[in-house]
Amino acid sequence: MLATILKSKRATKATIAIIETFTKIRELSRTIKKLPSVTDKKEQQSLMQKSGEIIAEILDDSLETDESETTIELNLAVLKFKHTIKKSKK
């Protein structure tokens, strides 16, 4: 990855962030794949909550914004998630 080409702390941090994000996306994929086969409402709710938590981790609120609005909407067959980041003028 990036850290194997560029020998810097920043490249290493970027590589680790990419790997962590990929891991979270795989976990999200597994969770979403389970949803259609689950019949228990409590378990479905738990899986939906877990999916939302994973997405929130991926879309960390510490993202830098500059007087703009960013909306990310994921529409997966059983889950629709919308995340909006707004920064107001000071």
N, C-alpha and C. Protein backbone atom coordinates (compact mmCIF):
# COMPACT_ATOMS: atom_id res chain seq x y z
N MET A 1 0.82 -1.18 0.00
CA MET A 1 0.00 0.00 0.00
C MET A 1 0.87 1.25 0.00
N LEU A 2 0.24 2.35 0.40
CA LEU A 2 0.90 3.64 0.37
C LEU A 2 2.18 3.67 1.19
N ALA A 3 2.15 3.07 2.36
CA ALA A 3 3.31 3.10 3.25
C ALA A 3 4.49 2.31 2.71
N THR A 4 4.25 1.37 1.80
CA THR A 4 5.36 0.61 1.23
C THR A 4 6.09 1.43 0.18
N ILE A 5 5.41 2.43 -0.38
CA ILE A 5 6.04 3.27 -1.40
C ILE A 5 6.63 4.52 -0.76
N LEU A 6 5.82 5.17 0.06
CA LEU A 6 6.26 6.39 0.73
C LEU A 6 6.64 6.05 2.17
N LYS A 7 7.83 6.35 2.54
CA LYS A 7 8.31 6.03 3.89
C LYS A 7 8.14 7.25 4.80
N SER A 8 6.89 7.47 5.22
CA SER A 8 6.64 8.57 6.14
C SER A 8 5.57 8.16 7.14
N LYS A 9 5.50 8.89 8.24
CA LYS A 9 4.49 8.61 9.26
C LYS A 9 3.09 8.86 8.72
N ARG A 10 2.95 9.87 7.91
CA ARG A 10 1.63 10.19 7.34
C ARG A 10 1.16 9.07 6.41
N ALA A 11 2.05 8.53 5.60
CA ALA A 11 1.68 7.43 4.71
C ALA A 11 1.29 6.19 5.51
N THR A 12 2.00 5.95 6.59
CA THR A 12 1.68 4.81 7.45
C THR A 12 0.30 4.98 8.08
N LYS A 13 0.01 6.19 8.57
CA LYS A 13 -1.30 6.46 9.16
C LYS A 13 -2.42 6.30 8.12
N ALA A 14 -2.16 6.77 6.91
CA ALA A 14 -3.16 6.64 5.84
C ALA A 14 -3.42 5.18 5.52
N THR A 15 -2.37 4.38 5.46
CA THR A 15 -2.51 2.95 5.18
C THR A 15 -3.32 2.26 6.27
N ILE A 16 -3.02 2.57 7.51
CA ILE A 16 -3.76 1.97 8.64
C ILE A 16 -5.23 2.38 8.58
N ALA A 17 -5.51 3.65 8.27
CA ALA A 17 -6.89 4.12 8.17
C ALA A 17 -7.64 3.39 7.05
N ILE A 18 -6.98 3.15 5.94
CA ILE A 18 -7.59 2.43 4.82
C ILE A 18 -7.93 1.00 5.24
N ILE A 19 -7.01 0.35 5.90
CA ILE A 19 -7.24 -1.04 6.34
C ILE A 19 -8.38 -1.10 7.36
N GLU A 20 -8.40 -0.17 8.31
CA GLU A 20 -9.47 -0.15 9.31
C GLU A 20 -10.83 0.09 8.66
N THR A 21 -10.89 0.99 7.70
CA THR A 21 -12.14 1.27 7.00
C THR A 21 -12.60 0.05 6.21
N PHE A 22 -11.69 -0.60 5.54
CA PHE A 22 -12.02 -1.82 4.78
C PHE A 22 -12.58 -2.89 5.71
N THR A 23 -11.99 -3.03 6.88
CA THR A 23 -12.46 -4.01 7.86
C THR A 23 -13.89 -3.68 8.31
N LYS A 24 -14.16 -2.42 8.56
CA LYS A 24 -15.49 -2.00 8.97
C LYS A 24 -16.52 -2.23 7.87
N ILE A 25 -16.13 -1.99 6.63
CA ILE A 25 -17.04 -2.21 5.50
C ILE A 25 -17.35 -3.70 5.35
N ARG A 26 -16.37 -4.55 5.55
CA ARG A 26 -16.63 -6.00 5.49
C ARG A 26 -17.57 -6.42 6.61
N GLU A 27 -17.39 -5.88 7.80
CA GLU A 27 -18.28 -6.19 8.92
C GLU A 27 -19.70 -5.71 8.62
N LEU A 28 -19.82 -4.52 8.05
CA LEU A 28 -21.12 -3.98 7.66
C LEU A 28 -21.78 -4.89 6.62
N SER A 29 -21.01 -5.34 5.66
CA SER A 29 -21.53 -6.23 4.63
C SER A 29 -22.07 -7.52 5.23
N ARG A 30 -21.33 -8.11 6.14
CA ARG A 30 -21.78 -9.34 6.80
C ARG A 30 -23.07 -9.11 7.59
N THR A 31 -23.13 -7.99 8.28
CA THR A 31 -24.31 -7.67 9.09
C THR A 31 -25.54 -7.49 8.20
N ILE A 32 -25.39 -6.78 7.10
CA ILE A 32 -26.51 -6.53 6.20
C ILE A 32 -26.96 -7.83 5.52
N LYS A 33 -26.03 -8.71 5.20
CA LYS A 33 -26.39 -9.98 4.57
C LYS A 33 -27.23 -10.86 5.50
N LYS A 34 -27.03 -10.70 6.82
CA LYS A 34 -27.79 -11.49 7.79
C LYS A 34 -29.25 -11.04 7.90
N LEU A 35 -29.51 -9.76 7.67
CA LEU A 35 -30.83 -9.18 7.92
C LEU A 35 -31.99 -9.91 7.26
N PRO A 36 -31.95 -10.24 5.97
CA PRO A 36 -33.12 -10.89 5.36
C PRO A 36 -33.44 -12.27 5.93
N SER A 37 -32.46 -12.95 6.48
CA SER A 37 -32.69 -14.30 6.98
C SER A 37 -33.17 -14.34 8.44
N VAL A 38 -33.11 -13.21 9.12
CA VAL A 38 -33.50 -13.15 10.53
C VAL A 38 -35.00 -12.86 10.62
N THR A 39 -35.71 -13.66 11.41
CA THR A 39 -37.15 -13.46 11.56
C THR A 39 -37.51 -12.79 12.89
N ASP A 40 -36.66 -12.90 13.88
CA ASP A 40 -36.90 -12.30 15.18
C ASP A 40 -36.74 -10.78 15.11
N LYS A 41 -37.77 -10.04 15.51
CA LYS A 41 -37.76 -8.57 15.42
C LYS A 41 -36.66 -7.95 16.27
N LYS A 42 -36.43 -8.49 17.45
CA LYS A 42 -35.39 -7.93 18.32
C LYS A 42 -34.01 -8.11 17.70
N GLU A 43 -33.78 -9.27 17.11
CA GLU A 43 -32.48 -9.53 16.47
C GLU A 43 -32.31 -8.64 15.24
N GLN A 44 -33.41 -8.44 14.48
CA GLN A 44 -33.34 -7.54 13.32
C GLN A 44 -33.00 -6.13 13.78
N GLN A 45 -33.65 -5.68 14.84
CA GLN A 45 -33.39 -4.34 15.37
C GLN A 45 -31.94 -4.22 15.83
N SER A 46 -31.44 -5.26 16.45
CA SER A 46 -30.05 -5.26 16.91
C SER A 46 -29.09 -5.17 15.73
N LEU A 47 -29.37 -5.92 14.67
CA LEU A 47 -28.52 -5.87 13.49
C LEU A 47 -28.58 -4.51 12.81
N MET A 48 -29.77 -3.91 12.76
CA MET A 48 -29.92 -2.57 12.18
C MET A 48 -29.13 -1.54 12.99
N GLN A 49 -29.21 -1.66 14.31
CA GLN A 49 -28.47 -0.74 15.17
C GLN A 49 -26.97 -0.92 14.97
N LYS A 50 -26.53 -2.17 14.90
CA LYS A 50 -25.11 -2.44 14.69
C LYS A 50 -24.65 -1.87 13.36
N SER A 51 -25.48 -2.01 12.32
CA SER A 51 -25.15 -1.45 11.01
C SER A 51 -25.00 0.06 11.09
N GLY A 52 -25.93 0.71 11.78
CA GLY A 52 -25.85 2.16 11.95
C GLY A 52 -24.61 2.60 12.69
N GLU A 53 -24.23 1.84 13.71
CA GLU A 53 -23.03 2.16 14.48
C GLU A 53 -21.77 2.03 13.62
N ILE A 54 -21.73 0.99 12.80
CA ILE A 54 -20.57 0.78 11.93
C ILE A 54 -20.47 1.92 10.92
N ILE A 55 -21.61 2.30 10.34
CA ILE A 55 -21.61 3.41 9.38
C ILE A 55 -21.17 4.70 10.05
N ALA A 56 -21.64 4.94 11.27
CA ALA A 56 -21.23 6.13 12.00
C ALA A 56 -19.73 6.14 12.27
N GLU A 57 -19.16 4.97 12.55
CA GLU A 57 -17.71 4.88 12.75
C GLU A 57 -16.97 5.21 11.47
N ILE A 58 -17.48 4.70 10.34
CA ILE A 58 -16.84 4.96 9.06
C ILE A 58 -16.90 6.45 8.72
N LEU A 59 -18.07 7.03 8.95
CA LEU A 59 -18.28 8.45 8.64
C LEU A 59 -18.07 9.28 9.90
N ASP A 60 -16.88 9.24 10.41
CA ASP A 60 -16.52 9.91 11.66
C ASP A 60 -16.86 11.39 11.60
N ASP A 61 -17.46 11.90 12.67
CA ASP A 61 -17.84 13.31 12.71
C ASP A 61 -16.64 14.25 12.82
N SER A 62 -15.46 13.75 12.98
CA SER A 62 -14.31 14.63 13.06
C SER A 62 -13.80 15.01 11.68
N LEU A 63 -14.59 14.72 10.64
CA LEU A 63 -14.22 15.13 9.30
C LEU A 63 -14.16 16.65 9.25
N GLU A 64 -13.18 17.17 8.54
CA GLU A 64 -13.06 18.61 8.44
C GLU A 64 -14.04 19.14 7.39
N THR A 65 -14.81 20.14 7.78
CA THR A 65 -15.72 20.77 6.84
C THR A 65 -15.47 22.27 6.86
N ASP A 66 -15.77 22.93 5.76
CA ASP A 66 -15.50 24.35 5.64
C ASP A 66 -16.71 25.05 5.03
N GLU A 67 -17.60 25.54 5.88
CA GLU A 67 -18.80 26.26 5.44
C GLU A 67 -19.52 25.54 4.31
N SER A 68 -19.80 24.28 4.50
CA SER A 68 -20.47 23.52 3.46
C SER A 68 -21.39 22.49 4.08
N GLU A 69 -22.13 21.82 3.23
CA GLU A 69 -22.99 20.75 3.66
C GLU A 69 -22.64 19.52 2.84
N THR A 70 -22.39 18.42 3.51
CA THR A 70 -22.07 17.18 2.84
C THR A 70 -23.10 16.14 3.25
N THR A 71 -23.69 15.47 2.29
CA THR A 71 -24.66 14.43 2.57
C THR A 71 -24.21 13.15 1.90
N ILE A 72 -24.18 12.10 2.66
CA ILE A 72 -23.84 10.78 2.13
C ILE A 72 -25.05 9.90 2.38
N GLU A 73 -25.58 9.32 1.33
CA GLU A 73 -26.75 8.47 1.46
C GLU A 73 -26.44 7.09 0.90
N LEU A 74 -26.61 6.09 1.74
CA LEU A 74 -26.40 4.72 1.33
C LEU A 74 -27.77 4.05 1.28
N ASN A 75 -28.13 3.52 0.14
CA ASN A 75 -29.39 2.83 0.02
C ASN A 75 -29.09 1.37 -0.31
N LEU A 76 -29.05 0.57 0.73
CA LEU A 76 -28.79 -0.85 0.59
C LEU A 76 -30.14 -1.53 0.71
N ALA A 77 -30.34 -2.61 0.05
CA ALA A 77 -31.65 -3.26 -0.07
C ALA A 77 -32.49 -3.21 1.21
N VAL A 78 -31.88 -3.43 2.35
CA VAL A 78 -32.65 -3.48 3.59
C VAL A 78 -32.33 -2.32 4.53
N LEU A 79 -31.47 -1.43 4.11
CA LEU A 79 -31.03 -0.37 5.01
C LEU A 79 -30.79 0.90 4.22
N LYS A 80 -31.37 1.99 4.68
CA LYS A 80 -31.12 3.28 4.06
C LYS A 80 -30.54 4.18 5.14
N PHE A 81 -29.40 4.76 4.87
CA PHE A 81 -28.71 5.57 5.85
C PHE A 81 -28.34 6.91 5.22
N LYS A 82 -28.67 7.98 5.88
CA LYS A 82 -28.33 9.31 5.39
C LYS A 82 -27.56 10.03 6.47
N HIS A 83 -26.42 10.58 6.10
CA HIS A 83 -25.54 11.26 7.05
C HIS A 83 -25.25 12.64 6.49
N THR A 84 -25.62 13.67 7.22
CA THR A 84 -25.40 15.05 6.76
C THR A 84 -24.48 15.76 7.72
N ILE A 85 -23.51 16.45 7.16
CA ILE A 85 -22.57 17.23 7.97
C ILE A 85 -22.77 18.68 7.56
N LYS A 86 -23.14 19.52 8.51
CA LYS A 86 -23.34 20.94 8.24
C LYS A 86 -22.40 21.75 9.11
N LYS A 87 -21.80 22.74 8.52
CA LYS A 87 -20.95 23.64 9.28
C LYS A 87 -21.51 25.05 9.09
N SER A 88 -21.82 25.69 10.18
CA SER A 88 -22.39 27.03 10.08
C SER A 88 -21.28 28.07 10.15
N LYS A 89 -21.59 29.23 9.61
CA LYS A 89 -20.64 30.34 9.65
C LYS A 89 -20.54 30.86 11.07
N LYS A 90 -19.34 31.21 11.48
CA LYS A 90 -19.13 31.74 12.83
C LYS A 90 -19.00 33.23 12.80
